[in-house]
Protein backbone atom coordinates (compact mmCIF):
# COMPACT_ATOMS: atom_id res chain seq x y z
CA MET A 1 93.75 116.42 113.15
CA HIS A 2 91.61 119.50 112.04
CA ASN A 3 92.07 120.02 107.95
CA ARG A 4 91.16 124.33 107.30
CA TYR A 5 91.26 123.25 102.86
CA LEU A 6 89.46 119.74 102.87
CA ALA A 7 85.82 119.63 103.07
CA GLU A 8 85.78 116.84 105.76
CA ARG A 9 84.05 114.38 103.17
CA THR A 10 86.97 114.92 101.01
CA VAL A 11 89.39 114.00 104.11
CA GLN A 12 87.15 111.06 105.07
CA ASP A 13 87.50 110.28 101.00
CA ILE A 14 91.09 110.58 101.19
CA ASP A 15 91.38 108.08 104.56
CA LYS A 16 89.33 105.58 103.02
CA ARG A 17 91.46 105.55 99.56
CA VAL A 18 94.66 105.18 101.19
CA ALA A 19 93.58 102.42 103.70
CA LYS A 20 92.45 100.55 100.47
CA ILE A 21 96.02 100.62 99.03
CA LEU A 22 97.64 99.91 102.35
CA LYS A 23 95.47 97.05 102.54
CA ASP A 24 96.25 96.26 99.03
CA LEU A 25 99.67 96.15 99.70
CA GLY A 26 99.45 93.69 102.20
CA ASP A 27 99.93 96.22 105.19
CA PRO A 28 103.66 97.31 104.55
CA LYS A 29 105.78 98.73 107.39
CA PRO A 30 107.60 101.76 106.57
CA PRO A 31 108.91 102.64 104.47
CA LEU A 32 106.47 102.22 102.21
CA CYS A 33 108.12 101.23 98.18
CA VAL A 34 106.30 103.93 96.00
CA GLU A 35 106.88 101.40 92.92
CA LEU A 36 104.70 99.26 94.24
CA VAL A 37 101.86 102.44 95.18
CA HIS A 38 102.26 103.37 91.56
CA GLU A 39 102.20 100.46 90.12
CA LEU A 40 98.60 100.03 91.80
CA LEU A 41 97.33 102.97 91.59
CA PRO A 42 95.72 102.40 87.78
CA GLN A 43 93.37 99.50 88.95
CA LEU A 44 92.34 101.10 91.90
CA THR A 45 91.45 104.08 89.86
CA SER A 46 89.55 101.76 87.11
CA ALA A 47 87.79 99.90 89.93
CA GLY A 48 85.88 103.01 90.73
């Protein structure tokens, strides 16, 4: 999918972060539990 609003580097960064979150959650099947994502995000942002 082509994105007209974000630079390619930004899209790649977002995709990388989403993949890490899903991996850290154990690659869950949909639907995704948003509460688990909210719990994990502070750990990811502080880790850099």
